[in-house]
């Protein structure tokens, strides 16, 4: 008579476990950020679509920071030159369908002093590649 109970527990476990696609998306974000931390714009480009967009969201305004894989590489290469100490760490994440939201803590050195700030980022996927990145203001 205990079989229905075990089946129910197993069924609930299966429903609560992240799907393989969701786990893959989170891994893509982690790899993308690892490439960022290595200051390797070409490697970052491996994880994005050809028409990727990097967007800043501030209140009711959305600004396109960069659009297209080639432009992303160019912009990030310049960014790494201007900020050789810049790093990012993922703290919290939620995977919901084609989107992964994360709290990112950016850190850098200014005049020898370590600084940091946290912000929310949402990575939107298309065909298992990052298609859009939405960055919200730092808190």
N, C-alpha and C. Protein backbone atom coordinates (compact mmCIF):
# COMPACT_ATOMS: atom_id res chain seq x y z
N UNK A 1 0.80 -1.20 0.00
CA UNK A 1 0.00 0.00 0.00
C UNK A 1 0.85 1.28 0.00
N UNK A 2 2.13 1.17 0.22
CA UNK A 2 2.98 2.35 0.28
C UNK A 2 3.39 2.81 -1.11
N UNK A 3 3.15 2.04 -2.12
CA UNK A 3 3.59 2.41 -3.46
C UNK A 3 3.02 3.74 -3.94
N UNK A 4 1.77 4.04 -3.72
CA UNK A 4 1.26 5.34 -4.17
C UNK A 4 2.00 6.51 -3.51
N UNK A 5 2.35 6.36 -2.23
CA UNK A 5 3.08 7.42 -1.53
C UNK A 5 4.45 7.64 -2.18
N UNK A 6 5.20 6.56 -2.43
CA UNK A 6 6.53 6.68 -3.04
C UNK A 6 6.43 7.25 -4.45
N UNK A 7 5.42 6.83 -5.17
CA UNK A 7 5.22 7.37 -6.52
C UNK A 7 4.98 8.87 -6.45
N UNK A 8 4.16 9.31 -5.50
CA UNK A 8 3.87 10.73 -5.33
C UNK A 8 5.14 11.52 -5.00
N UNK A 9 5.95 11.01 -4.06
CA UNK A 9 7.21 11.68 -3.69
C UNK A 9 8.14 11.75 -4.89
N UNK A 10 8.28 10.65 -5.62
CA UNK A 10 9.14 10.63 -6.81
C UNK A 10 8.63 11.61 -7.86
N UNK A 11 7.33 11.65 -8.08
CA UNK A 11 6.73 12.56 -9.04
C UNK A 11 7.00 14.02 -8.65
N UNK A 12 6.86 14.35 -7.38
CA UNK A 12 7.12 15.72 -6.91
C UNK A 12 8.59 16.07 -7.09
N UNK A 13 9.48 15.13 -6.85
CA UNK A 13 10.91 15.37 -7.04
C UNK A 13 11.21 15.67 -8.51
N UNK A 14 10.65 14.89 -9.40
CA UNK A 14 10.88 15.09 -10.83
C UNK A 14 10.37 16.46 -11.26
N UNK A 15 9.22 16.87 -10.79
CA UNK A 15 8.67 18.18 -11.15
C UNK A 15 9.50 19.34 -10.62
N UNK A 16 10.12 19.16 -9.47
CA UNK A 16 10.88 20.26 -8.87
C UNK A 16 12.31 20.33 -9.39
N UNK A 17 12.82 19.28 -9.97
CA UNK A 17 14.20 19.29 -10.48
C UNK A 17 14.28 20.15 -11.74
N UNK A 18 15.37 20.90 -11.89
CA UNK A 18 15.50 21.72 -13.09
C UNK A 18 15.65 20.83 -14.32
N UNK A 19 15.10 21.28 -15.43
CA UNK A 19 15.22 20.51 -16.66
C UNK A 19 16.66 20.58 -17.16
N UNK A 20 17.00 19.68 -18.05
CA UNK A 20 18.34 19.70 -18.65
C UNK A 20 18.57 20.99 -19.40
N UNK A 21 17.54 21.49 -20.07
CA UNK A 21 17.68 22.75 -20.81
C UNK A 21 17.96 23.90 -19.85
N UNK A 22 17.26 23.92 -18.71
CA UNK A 22 17.47 24.99 -17.73
C UNK A 22 18.88 24.92 -17.15
N UNK A 23 19.34 23.72 -16.83
CA UNK A 23 20.70 23.55 -16.30
C UNK A 23 21.72 23.98 -17.34
N UNK A 24 21.47 23.67 -18.59
CA UNK A 24 22.37 24.06 -19.67
C UNK A 24 22.44 25.58 -19.80
N UNK A 25 21.31 26.25 -19.67
CA UNK A 25 21.29 27.71 -19.77
C UNK A 25 22.10 28.35 -18.64
N UNK A 26 21.94 27.82 -17.45
CA UNK A 26 22.72 28.34 -16.33
C UNK A 26 24.21 28.13 -16.57
N UNK A 27 24.59 26.97 -17.09
CA UNK A 27 26.00 26.72 -17.41
C UNK A 27 26.50 27.70 -18.46
N UNK A 28 25.67 28.01 -19.45
CA UNK A 28 26.07 28.98 -20.48
C UNK A 28 26.36 30.34 -19.85
N UNK A 29 25.50 30.78 -18.92
CA UNK A 29 25.71 32.06 -18.24
C UNK A 29 27.01 32.00 -17.44
N UNK A 30 27.22 30.92 -16.73
CA UNK A 30 28.46 30.78 -15.95
C UNK A 30 29.69 30.82 -16.84
N UNK A 31 29.64 30.18 -17.98
CA UNK A 31 30.77 30.18 -18.92
C UNK A 31 30.98 31.57 -19.53
N UNK A 32 29.88 32.24 -19.84
CA UNK A 32 29.94 33.59 -20.39
C UNK A 32 30.63 34.53 -19.39
N UNK A 33 30.25 34.43 -18.11
CA UNK A 33 30.84 35.27 -17.07
C UNK A 33 32.30 34.86 -16.81
N UNK A 34 32.60 33.58 -16.90
CA UNK A 34 34.00 33.14 -16.75
C UNK A 34 34.86 33.73 -17.87
N UNK A 35 34.33 33.77 -19.10
CA UNK A 35 35.06 34.40 -20.21
C UNK A 35 35.22 35.89 -19.96
N UNK A 36 34.19 36.53 -19.40
CA UNK A 36 34.29 37.94 -19.03
C UNK A 36 35.42 38.13 -18.02
N UNK A 37 35.45 37.28 -17.00
CA UNK A 37 36.48 37.40 -15.97
C UNK A 37 37.89 37.14 -16.51
N UNK A 38 37.98 36.35 -17.56
CA UNK A 38 39.27 36.10 -18.22
C UNK A 38 39.60 37.22 -19.21
N UNK A 39 38.69 38.16 -19.36
CA UNK A 39 38.81 39.29 -20.31
C UNK A 39 39.04 38.76 -21.73
N UNK A 40 38.25 37.76 -22.08
CA UNK A 40 38.34 37.11 -23.38
C UNK A 40 37.04 37.33 -24.16
N UNK A 41 36.99 38.43 -24.88
CA UNK A 41 35.79 38.80 -25.63
C UNK A 41 35.46 37.77 -26.71
N UNK A 42 36.46 37.20 -27.33
CA UNK A 42 36.22 36.17 -28.36
C UNK A 42 35.54 34.94 -27.75
N UNK A 43 35.96 34.56 -26.57
CA UNK A 43 35.34 33.41 -25.89
C UNK A 43 33.91 33.75 -25.49
N UNK A 44 33.68 34.99 -25.04
CA UNK A 44 32.32 35.41 -24.71
C UNK A 44 31.40 35.24 -25.91
N UNK A 45 31.93 35.55 -27.08
CA UNK A 45 31.14 35.48 -28.32
C UNK A 45 30.69 34.06 -28.65
N UNK A 46 31.34 33.06 -28.12
CA UNK A 46 30.95 31.67 -28.38
C UNK A 46 29.59 31.33 -27.76
N UNK A 47 29.17 32.12 -26.79
CA UNK A 47 27.97 31.80 -26.04
C UNK A 47 26.77 32.66 -26.43
N UNK A 48 26.90 33.45 -27.50
CA UNK A 48 25.83 34.37 -27.89
C UNK A 48 25.40 34.14 -29.33
N UNK A 49 24.17 34.61 -29.64
CA UNK A 49 23.67 34.55 -31.01
C UNK A 49 24.34 35.62 -31.86
N UNK A 50 24.22 35.51 -33.16
CA UNK A 50 24.81 36.51 -34.08
C UNK A 50 24.24 37.90 -33.83
N UNK A 51 22.96 37.97 -33.49
CA UNK A 51 22.31 39.27 -33.30
C UNK A 51 22.04 39.57 -31.82
N UNK A 52 22.97 39.17 -30.96
CA UNK A 52 22.85 39.40 -29.52
C UNK A 52 22.67 40.89 -29.24
N UNK A 53 21.94 41.19 -28.17
CA UNK A 53 21.77 42.57 -27.72
C UNK A 53 22.12 42.65 -26.25
N UNK A 54 22.82 43.70 -25.88
CA UNK A 54 23.17 44.00 -24.49
C UNK A 54 22.42 45.27 -24.15
N UNK A 55 21.46 45.17 -23.23
CA UNK A 55 20.55 46.27 -22.94
C UNK A 55 20.68 46.74 -21.49
N UNK A 56 20.59 48.04 -21.28
CA UNK A 56 20.54 48.62 -19.94
C UNK A 56 19.11 49.08 -19.69
N UNK A 57 18.55 48.65 -18.57
CA UNK A 57 17.19 49.02 -18.20
C UNK A 57 17.27 49.98 -17.03
N UNK A 58 16.68 51.16 -17.20
CA UNK A 58 16.67 52.15 -16.13
C UNK A 58 15.30 52.82 -16.11
N UNK A 59 14.48 52.39 -15.15
CA UNK A 59 13.12 52.91 -15.09
C UNK A 59 12.34 52.51 -16.33
N UNK A 60 11.79 53.50 -17.04
CA UNK A 60 11.01 53.20 -18.24
C UNK A 60 11.84 53.33 -19.51
N UNK A 61 13.16 53.38 -19.37
CA UNK A 61 14.04 53.50 -20.54
C UNK A 61 14.91 52.26 -20.70
N UNK A 62 15.03 51.80 -21.93
CA UNK A 62 15.92 50.69 -22.27
C UNK A 62 16.91 51.21 -23.31
N UNK A 63 18.19 51.10 -22.99
CA UNK A 63 19.24 51.57 -23.88
C UNK A 63 19.98 50.36 -24.45
N UNK A 64 20.17 50.34 -25.76
CA UNK A 64 20.94 49.28 -26.40
C UNK A 64 22.41 49.66 -26.27
N UNK A 65 23.15 48.90 -25.45
CA UNK A 65 24.57 49.17 -25.25
C UNK A 65 25.39 48.64 -26.42
N UNK A 66 25.00 47.49 -26.92
CA UNK A 66 25.66 46.91 -28.08
C UNK A 66 24.70 45.92 -28.73
N UNK A 67 24.87 45.75 -30.03
CA UNK A 67 24.02 44.84 -30.79
C UNK A 67 24.87 44.10 -31.81
N UNK A 68 24.76 42.78 -31.84
CA UNK A 68 25.51 41.96 -32.77
C UNK A 68 26.77 41.39 -32.13
N UNK A 69 27.09 40.17 -32.50
CA UNK A 69 28.25 39.46 -31.93
C UNK A 69 29.55 40.21 -32.20
N UNK A 70 29.74 40.65 -33.43
CA UNK A 70 30.99 41.35 -33.80
C UNK A 70 31.16 42.62 -32.97
N UNK A 71 30.08 43.38 -32.81
CA UNK A 71 30.14 44.60 -32.03
C UNK A 71 30.37 44.30 -30.54
N UNK A 72 29.79 43.22 -30.04
CA UNK A 72 30.01 42.81 -28.66
C UNK A 72 31.50 42.58 -28.40
N UNK A 73 32.15 41.87 -29.31
CA UNK A 73 33.58 41.59 -29.16
C UNK A 73 34.37 42.90 -29.15
N UNK A 74 34.03 43.80 -30.05
CA UNK A 74 34.73 45.09 -30.14
C UNK A 74 34.55 45.90 -28.86
N UNK A 75 33.30 46.02 -28.41
CA UNK A 75 32.99 46.82 -27.22
C UNK A 75 33.65 46.20 -25.97
N UNK A 76 33.56 44.89 -25.82
CA UNK A 76 34.12 44.25 -24.63
C UNK A 76 35.64 44.32 -24.64
N UNK A 77 36.26 44.20 -25.79
CA UNK A 77 37.72 44.32 -25.87
C UNK A 77 38.17 45.70 -25.40
N UNK A 78 37.46 46.73 -25.84
CA UNK A 78 37.76 48.09 -25.38
C UNK A 78 37.51 48.24 -23.90
N UNK A 79 36.44 47.65 -23.41
CA UNK A 79 36.11 47.72 -21.99
C UNK A 79 37.21 47.08 -21.15
N UNK A 80 37.70 45.92 -21.57
CA UNK A 80 38.73 45.22 -20.81
C UNK A 80 40.03 46.03 -20.79
N UNK A 81 40.32 46.74 -21.87
CA UNK A 81 41.50 47.60 -21.90
C UNK A 81 41.35 48.74 -20.91
N UNK A 82 40.15 49.30 -20.82
CA UNK A 82 39.92 50.44 -19.93
C UNK A 82 39.75 50.02 -18.47
N UNK A 83 39.44 48.76 -18.22
CA UNK A 83 39.22 48.29 -16.84
C UNK A 83 39.87 46.91 -16.66
N UNK A 84 41.19 46.88 -16.56
CA UNK A 84 41.88 45.58 -16.47
C UNK A 84 41.59 44.81 -15.18
N UNK A 85 41.04 45.45 -14.17
CA UNK A 85 40.76 44.76 -12.91
C UNK A 85 39.29 44.32 -12.79
N UNK A 86 38.48 44.62 -13.77
CA UNK A 86 37.05 44.31 -13.68
C UNK A 86 36.79 42.81 -13.66
N UNK A 87 35.93 42.41 -12.72
CA UNK A 87 35.51 41.03 -12.56
C UNK A 87 34.03 41.00 -12.21
N UNK A 88 33.41 39.85 -12.36
CA UNK A 88 32.01 39.71 -12.00
C UNK A 88 31.80 38.35 -11.36
N UNK A 89 30.96 38.33 -10.35
CA UNK A 89 30.66 37.09 -9.64
C UNK A 89 29.15 36.90 -9.59
N UNK A 90 28.69 35.70 -9.90
CA UNK A 90 27.27 35.38 -9.82
C UNK A 90 26.93 34.95 -8.40
N UNK A 91 25.88 35.55 -7.85
CA UNK A 91 25.52 35.23 -6.47
C UNK A 91 24.23 34.42 -6.36
N UNK A 92 23.20 34.83 -7.01
CA UNK A 92 21.91 34.14 -6.95
C UNK A 92 21.40 33.99 -8.37
N UNK A 93 20.63 32.96 -8.61
CA UNK A 93 20.08 32.78 -9.94
C UNK A 93 18.70 32.14 -9.87
N UNK A 94 17.94 32.41 -10.91
CA UNK A 94 16.65 31.77 -11.12
C UNK A 94 16.56 31.46 -12.60
N UNK A 95 16.19 30.24 -12.92
CA UNK A 95 15.99 29.84 -14.31
C UNK A 95 14.51 29.68 -14.52
N UNK A 96 13.98 30.40 -15.50
CA UNK A 96 12.56 30.31 -15.81
C UNK A 96 12.41 30.28 -17.33
N UNK A 97 12.19 29.10 -17.85
CA UNK A 97 12.03 28.96 -19.29
C UNK A 97 13.29 29.40 -20.03
N UNK A 98 13.13 30.37 -20.92
CA UNK A 98 14.25 30.82 -21.76
C UNK A 98 15.06 31.93 -21.10
N UNK A 99 14.81 32.21 -19.82
CA UNK A 99 15.53 33.30 -19.15
C UNK A 99 16.22 32.81 -17.88
N UNK A 100 17.40 33.39 -17.65
CA UNK A 100 18.14 33.15 -16.41
C UNK A 100 18.37 34.51 -15.78
N UNK A 101 17.87 34.70 -14.56
CA UNK A 101 18.14 35.95 -13.86
C UNK A 101 19.20 35.68 -12.80
N UNK A 102 20.10 36.64 -12.64
CA UNK A 102 21.19 36.49 -11.68
C UNK A 102 21.45 37.82 -10.97
N UNK A 103 21.95 37.72 -9.77
CA UNK A 103 22.50 38.89 -9.09
C UNK A 103 23.99 38.81 -9.34
N UNK A 104 24.53 39.84 -9.96
CA UNK A 104 25.95 39.87 -10.26
C UNK A 104 26.62 40.93 -9.40
N UNK A 105 27.74 40.54 -8.82
CA UNK A 105 28.54 41.52 -8.09
C UNK A 105 29.77 41.83 -8.93
N UNK A 106 29.81 43.04 -9.44
CA UNK A 106 30.95 43.51 -10.21
C UNK A 106 31.97 44.10 -9.25
N UNK A 107 33.24 43.84 -9.51
CA UNK A 107 34.30 44.43 -8.69
C UNK A 107 35.42 44.94 -9.59
N UNK A 108 36.12 45.96 -9.09
CA UNK A 108 37.22 46.57 -9.82
C UNK A 108 38.06 47.35 -8.84
N UNK A 109 39.24 47.74 -9.27
CA UNK A 109 40.12 48.57 -8.44
C UNK A 109 40.18 49.97 -9.00
N UNK A 110 40.07 50.94 -8.10
CA UNK A 110 40.22 52.35 -8.47
C UNK A 110 41.17 52.96 -7.45
N UNK A 111 42.27 53.51 -7.96
CA UNK A 111 43.30 54.10 -7.10
C UNK A 111 43.75 53.12 -6.01
N UNK A 112 43.88 51.84 -6.41
CA UNK A 112 44.34 50.81 -5.49
C UNK A 112 43.29 50.29 -4.53
N UNK A 113 42.11 50.89 -4.53
CA UNK A 113 41.04 50.48 -3.63
C UNK A 113 40.03 49.58 -4.35
N UNK A 114 39.70 48.45 -3.73
CA UNK A 114 38.72 47.53 -4.31
C UNK A 114 37.32 48.10 -4.12
N UNK A 115 36.59 48.15 -5.21
CA UNK A 115 35.19 48.63 -5.18
C UNK A 115 34.31 47.53 -5.76
N UNK A 116 33.03 47.59 -5.40
CA UNK A 116 32.09 46.61 -5.95
C UNK A 116 30.68 47.16 -5.92
N UNK A 117 29.84 46.55 -6.72
CA UNK A 117 28.42 46.89 -6.74
C UNK A 117 27.64 45.68 -7.25
N UNK A 118 26.39 45.59 -6.83
CA UNK A 118 25.53 44.48 -7.25
C UNK A 118 24.43 45.00 -8.15
N UNK A 119 24.07 44.17 -9.11
CA UNK A 119 22.94 44.51 -9.96
C UNK A 119 22.27 43.22 -10.44
N UNK A 120 21.09 43.39 -10.96
CA UNK A 120 20.33 42.27 -11.50
C UNK A 120 20.56 42.20 -12.99
N UNK A 121 20.78 41.01 -13.50
CA UNK A 121 20.91 40.79 -14.94
C UNK A 121 19.98 39.65 -15.34
N UNK A 122 19.38 39.78 -16.50
CA UNK A 122 18.53 38.74 -17.05
C UNK A 122 19.09 38.35 -18.41
N UNK A 123 19.41 37.08 -18.55
CA UNK A 123 19.93 36.53 -19.80
C UNK A 123 18.79 35.80 -20.50
N UNK A 124 18.51 36.21 -21.72
CA UNK A 124 17.45 35.59 -22.51
C UNK A 124 18.08 34.72 -23.59
N UNK A 125 17.57 33.51 -23.74
CA UNK A 125 18.17 32.54 -24.65
C UNK A 125 17.33 32.31 -25.90
N UNK A 126 18.03 31.97 -26.97
CA UNK A 126 17.43 31.51 -28.21
C UNK A 126 18.31 30.39 -28.75
N UNK A 127 17.74 29.22 -28.96
CA UNK A 127 18.50 28.07 -29.45
C UNK A 127 19.74 27.79 -28.62
N UNK A 128 19.60 27.83 -27.31
CA UNK A 128 20.67 27.53 -26.35
C UNK A 128 21.84 28.50 -26.37
N UNK A 129 21.65 29.66 -26.96
CA UNK A 129 22.66 30.72 -26.93
C UNK A 129 22.04 31.97 -26.33
N UNK A 130 22.87 32.80 -25.73
CA UNK A 130 22.39 34.05 -25.14
C UNK A 130 22.01 35.00 -26.26
N UNK A 131 20.76 35.46 -26.22
CA UNK A 131 20.25 36.34 -27.27
C UNK A 131 20.17 37.79 -26.81
N UNK A 132 19.80 37.98 -25.55
CA UNK A 132 19.74 39.33 -24.97
C UNK A 132 20.22 39.28 -23.53
N UNK A 133 20.88 40.35 -23.11
CA UNK A 133 21.25 40.51 -21.72
C UNK A 133 20.67 41.85 -21.28
N UNK A 134 19.84 41.80 -20.25
CA UNK A 134 19.23 42.99 -19.67
C UNK A 134 19.95 43.29 -18.36
N UNK A 135 20.53 44.48 -18.25
CA UNK A 135 21.16 44.89 -16.99
C UNK A 135 20.34 45.99 -16.36
N UNK A 136 20.10 45.84 -15.07
CA UNK A 136 19.35 46.82 -14.30
C UNK A 136 20.33 47.65 -13.47
N UNK A 137 19.94 48.84 -13.02
CA UNK A 137 20.87 49.71 -12.28
C UNK A 137 21.43 49.01 -11.04
N UNK A 138 22.65 49.38 -10.70
CA UNK A 138 23.30 48.83 -9.51
C UNK A 138 22.59 49.31 -8.26
N UNK A 139 22.58 48.46 -7.28
CA UNK A 139 21.97 48.79 -5.97
C UNK A 139 23.07 49.05 -4.97
